[in-house]
C-alpha atoms as a PDB file:
ATOM      1  CA  MET A   1      -8.031  -5.380  -7.599  1.00  0.00           C
ATOM      2  CA  ILE A   2      -7.797  -1.747  -6.532  1.00  0.00           C
ATOM      3  CA  GLU A   3      -9.211  -0.226  -3.374  1.00  0.00           C
ATOM      4  CA  VAL A   4      -9.145   3.535  -2.790  1.00  0.00           C
ATOM      5  CA  LYS A   5      -8.802   4.918   0.728  1.00  0.00           C
ATOM      6  CA  SER A   6      -8.814   8.623   1.585  1.00  0.00           C
ATOM      7  CA  LYS A   7      -7.453  10.827   4.327  1.00  0.00           C
ATOM      8  CA  LEU A   8     -10.059  13.573   4.580  1.00  0.00           C
ATOM      9  CA  GLN A   9      -8.652  15.814   7.316  1.00  0.00           C
ATOM     10  CA  PRO A  10      -5.500  16.445   9.354  1.00  0.00           C
ATOM     11  CA  LEU A  11      -5.000  13.993  12.202  1.00  0.00           C
ATOM     12  CA  GLY A  12      -4.939  15.250  15.767  1.00  0.00           C
ATOM     13  CA  PRO A  13      -2.888  14.209  18.790  1.00  0.00           C
ATOM     14  CA  ARG A  14      -5.050  11.156  19.551  1.00  0.00           C
ATOM     15  CA  TRP A  15      -3.607   9.631  16.349  1.00  0.00           C
ATOM     16  CA  THR A  16      -0.151  11.170  16.110  1.00  0.00           C
ATOM     17  CA  MET A  17       0.817  10.048  19.630  1.00  0.00           C
ATOM     18  CA  HIS A  18       0.821   6.439  18.380  1.00  0.00           C
ATOM     19  CA  ARG A  19       3.397   7.155  15.638  1.00  0.00           C
ATOM     20  CA  PRO A  20       5.603   9.964  16.961  1.00  0.00           C
ATOM     21  CA  ASP A  21       8.220   8.965  14.363  1.00  0.00           C
ATOM     22  CA  VAL A  22       5.920  10.094  11.506  1.00  0.00           C
ATOM     23  CA  PRO A  23       5.060  13.726  10.693  1.00  0.00           C
ATOM     24  CA  GLU A  24       1.287  14.301  10.821  1.00  0.00           C
ATOM     25  CA  ALA A  25       1.197  15.126   7.093  1.00  0.00           C
ATOM     26  CA  ASP A  26       2.550  11.628   6.310  1.00  0.00           C
ATOM     27  CA  LEU A  27       0.387   9.697   8.773  1.00  0.00           C
ATOM     28  CA  PHE A  28      -2.384   7.572   7.254  1.00  0.00           C
ATOM     29  CA  VAL A  29      -5.037   5.560   9.121  1.00  0.00           C
ATOM     30  CA  LEU A  30      -6.360   2.380   7.525  1.00  0.00           C
ATOM     31  CA  ASP A  31      -9.195   0.293   8.904  1.00  0.00           C
ATOM     32  CA  GLU A  32      -7.835  -3.082  10.013  1.00  0.00           C
ATOM     33  CA  LEU A  33     -10.884  -4.957   8.742  1.00  0.00           C
ATOM     34  CA  SER A  34     -10.247  -3.723   5.196  1.00  0.00           C
ATOM     35  CA  PHE A  35      -6.626  -4.833   5.472  1.00  0.00           C
ATOM     36  CA  ARG A  36      -7.559  -8.246   6.921  1.00  0.00           C
ATOM     37  CA  LYS A  37     -10.127  -8.884   4.176  1.00  0.00           C
ATOM     38  CA  GLY A  38      -7.454  -8.103   1.603  1.00  0.00           C
ATOM     39  CA  MET A  39      -5.041 -10.488   3.307  1.00  0.00           C
ATOM     40  CA  ALA A  40      -7.678 -13.235   3.255  1.00  0.00           C
ATOM     41  CA  GLY A  41      -7.559 -13.120  -0.527  1.00  0.00           C
ATOM     42  CA  PRO A  42      -9.553 -11.542  -3.314  1.00  0.00           C
ATOM     43  CA  SER A  43     -13.211 -12.463  -3.557  1.00  0.00           C
ATOM     44  CA  THR A  44     -12.955 -12.519  -7.350  1.00  0.00           C
ATOM     45  CA  PRO A  45     -10.898 -15.376  -8.842  1.00  0.00           C
ATOM     46  CA  GLY A  46      -8.066 -14.341 -11.118  1.00  0.00           C
ATOM     47  CA  PHE A  47      -6.929 -11.279  -9.177  1.00  0.00           C
ATOM     48  CA  LEU A  48      -3.500 -11.998  -7.738  1.00  0.00           C
ATOM     49  CA  LEU A  49      -2.510  -8.519  -6.606  1.00  0.00           C
ATOM     50  CA  THR A  50      -4.464  -6.113  -4.454  1.00  0.00           C
ATOM     51  CA  TYR A  51      -3.522  -2.450  -4.551  1.00  0.00           C
ATOM     52  CA  TYR A  52      -4.505   0.337  -2.233  1.00  0.00           C
ATOM     53  CA  VAL A  53      -4.592   3.832  -3.690  1.00  0.00           C
ATOM     54  CA  LEU A  54      -4.117   6.129  -0.724  1.00  0.00           C
ATOM     55  CA  GLU A  55      -5.508   9.596  -1.359  1.00  0.00           C
ATOM     56  CA  ASP A  56      -4.423  12.395   0.956  1.00  0.00           C
ATOM     57  CA  ARG A  57      -7.029  15.099   0.354  1.00  0.00           C
ATOM     58  CA  VAL A  58      -5.360  17.354   2.916  1.00  0.00           C
ATOM     59  CA  THR A  59      -2.178  17.762   0.844  1.00  0.00           C
ATOM     60  CA  GLY A  60      -3.485  16.651  -2.561  1.00  0.00           C
ATOM     61  CA  ARG A  61      -1.071  13.707  -2.744  1.00  0.00           C
ATOM     62  CA  TRP A  62      -1.739  10.176  -3.984  1.00  0.00           C
ATOM     63  CA  PHE A  63       0.171   7.012  -3.090  1.00  0.00           C
ATOM     64  CA  LEU A  64       0.100   3.437  -4.306  1.00  0.00           C
ATOM     65  CA  ALA A  65       0.695   0.460  -2.019  1.00  0.00           C
ATOM     66  CA  ARG A  66       0.372  -3.212  -2.817  1.00  0.00           C
ATOM     67  CA  LEU A  67      -1.194  -5.303  -0.085  1.00  0.00           C
ATOM     68  CA  ASP A  68       2.086  -7.157   0.481  1.00  0.00           C
ATOM     69  CA  GLU A  69       3.864  -3.800   0.932  1.00  0.00           C
ATOM     70  CA  LEU A  70       1.300  -2.778   3.553  1.00  0.00           C
ATOM     71  CA  ALA A  71       1.813  -6.106   5.321  1.00  0.00           C
ATOM     72  CA  VAL A  72       5.547  -5.589   5.800  1.00  0.00           C
ATOM     73  CA  ALA A  73       5.565  -1.795   6.259  1.00  0.00           C
ATOM     74  CA  PRO A  74       6.188  -0.385   9.740  1.00  0.00           C
ATOM     75  CA  LYS A  75       2.851   0.369  11.370  1.00  0.00           C
ATOM     76  CA  ALA A  76       1.144   0.886  14.686  1.00  0.00           C
ATOM     77  CA  ARG A  77      -2.109  -0.814  15.605  1.00  0.00           C
ATOM     78  CA  LEU A  78      -4.681   0.580  17.973  1.00  0.00           C
ATOM     79  CA  ASP A  79      -8.306   0.100  18.927  1.00  0.00           C
ATOM     80  CA  ARG A  80     -10.766   2.948  18.631  1.00  0.00           C
ATOM     81  CA  LEU A  81     -14.223   2.774  20.167  1.00  0.00           C
ATOM     82  CA  GLY A  82     -16.920   2.852  17.531  1.00  0.00           C
ATOM     83  CA  SER A  83     -20.331   4.476  17.816  1.00  0.00           C
ATOM     84  CA  SER A  84     -21.821   1.116  18.887  1.00  0.00           C
ATOM     85  CA  GLY A  85     -19.298   0.839  21.714  1.00  0.00           C
ATOM     86  CA  GLY A  86     -17.262  -1.928  20.100  1.00  0.00           C
ATOM     87  CA  ALA A  87     -13.554  -1.681  19.361  1.00  0.00           C
ATOM     88  CA  LYS A  88     -12.453  -0.981  15.800  1.00  0.00           C
ATOM     89  CA  GLY A  89      -8.891  -1.859  14.845  1.00  0.00           C
ATOM     90  CA  LYS A  90      -6.918   0.863  13.090  1.00  0.00           C
ATOM     91  CA  LEU A  91      -3.490   0.668  11.449  1.00  0.00           C
ATOM     92  CA  LEU A  92      -1.277   3.763  11.205  1.00  0.00           C
ATOM     93  CA  PHE A  93       1.131   3.945   8.266  1.00  0.00           C
ATOM     94  CA  ASN A  94       3.709   6.401   7.007  1.00  0.00           C
ATOM     95  CA  LEU A  95       2.695   7.505   3.490  1.00  0.00           C
ATOM     96  CA  SER A  96       6.325   8.136   2.563  1.00  0.00           C
ATOM     97  CA  ASP A  97       6.899   4.363   2.727  1.00  0.00           C
ATOM     98  CA  PHE A  98       4.899   3.963  -0.500  1.00  0.00           C
ATOM     99  CA  ARG A  99       5.105   5.078  -4.134  1.00  0.00           C
ATOM    100  CA  GLN A 100       3.816   8.585  -4.674  1.00  0.00           C
ATOM    101  CA  LEU A 101       1.759   9.091  -7.828  1.00  0.00           C
ATOM    102  CA  ALA A 102       2.414  12.492  -9.434  1.00  0.00           C
ATOM    103  CA  ASN A 103      -0.394  11.986 -11.952  1.00  0.00           C
ATOM    104  CA  PRO A 104      -2.675   9.225 -10.615  1.00  0.00           C
ATOM    105  CA  ALA A 105      -4.520   8.613 -13.896  1.00  0.00           C
ATOM    106  CA  VAL A 106      -1.233   7.913 -15.720  1.00  0.00           C
ATOM    107  CA  ASP A 107       1.062   6.681 -12.958  1.00  0.00           C
ATOM    108  CA  LEU A 108      -1.397   4.125 -11.586  1.00  0.00           C
ATOM    109  CA  ARG A 109      -1.584   2.253 -14.873  1.00  0.00           C
ATOM    110  CA  ALA A 110       2.187   2.433 -15.397  1.00  0.00           C
ATOM    111  CA  SER A 111       2.960   1.251 -11.864  1.00  0.00           C
ATOM    112  CA  ILE A 112       0.632  -1.732 -12.057  1.00  0.00           C
ATOM    113  CA  ALA A 113       1.869  -2.646 -15.535  1.00  0.00           C
ATOM    114  CA  GLY A 114       5.435  -2.432 -14.246  1.00  0.00           C
ATOM    115  CA  ASP A 115       4.644  -4.757 -11.348  1.00  0.00           C
ATOM    116  CA  THR A 116       2.889  -7.337 -13.482  1.00  0.00           C
ATOM    117  CA  ALA A 117       4.988  -7.251 -16.645  1.00  0.00           C
ATOM    118  CA  THR A 118       8.572  -7.065 -15.393  1.00  0.00           C
ATOM    119  CA  ARG A 119      10.828 -10.030 -15.847  1.00  0.00           C
ATOM    120  CA  PRO A 120      13.586  -9.600 -13.259  1.00  0.00           C
ATOM    121  CA  TRP A 121      15.187 -12.902 -14.260  1.00  0.00           C
ATOM    122  CA  ASP A 122      16.154 -11.324 -17.613  1.00  0.00           C
ATOM    123  CA  GLY A 123      18.610  -9.082 -15.769  1.00  0.00           C
ATOM    124  CA  SER A 124      20.268 -11.920 -13.889  1.00  0.00           C
ATOM    125  CA  GLY A 125      24.030 -11.610 -13.488  1.00  0.00           C
ATOM    126  CA  CYS A 126      24.321 -15.279 -14.460  1.00  0.00           C
ATOM    127  CA  LEU A 127      22.799 -14.575 -17.845  1.00  0.00           C
ATOM    128  CA  LEU A 128      25.069 -11.609 -18.442  1.00  0.00           C
ATOM    129  CA  LEU A 129      28.192 -13.767 -17.934  1.00  0.00           C
ATOM    130  CA  GLY A 130      27.120 -16.388 -20.448  1.00  0.00           C
ATOM    131  CA  SER A 131      25.494 -16.243 -23.837  1.00  0.00           C
ATOM    132  CA  GLY A 132      22.462 -14.361 -22.494  1.00  0.00           C
ATOM    133  CA  THR A 133      20.115 -17.287 -22.968  1.00  0.00           C
ATOM    134  CA  VAL A 134      18.925 -20.011 -20.669  1.00  0.00           C
ATOM    135  CA  PRO A 135      18.847 -23.508 -22.161  1.00  0.00           C
ATOM    136  CA  THR A 136      15.514 -25.290 -22.161  1.00  0.00           C
ATOM    137  CA  VAL A 137      15.535 -28.294 -19.863  1.00  0.00           C
END
């Protein structure tokens, strides 16, 4: 499952003061409700991975973050008052913590295919010492 989120304008001091360690150009605000719904699990059976494509329209950059990467990335959380007067949770991330997509149409497909089709166990040091095969048990 892929969800696209966009940064439409530069962020002012009311945002940057919460992540002084991150340059404004790399600061990205994500709605906490969107993140929490993703963490609750996909609504469509069969989708194991959720990706967020983070579009920075200010600089023309695109980034790809899996939901699990967002969960463990450094972030700040704050409440912003909505138009109805209720608090809305916001999460502030550093875009440079995620994979930048030079050509989103091509890189997105390649990145997802790489995540879902790699077999890290094939490069195990144990296999390299032996015959290169694992006996069937």
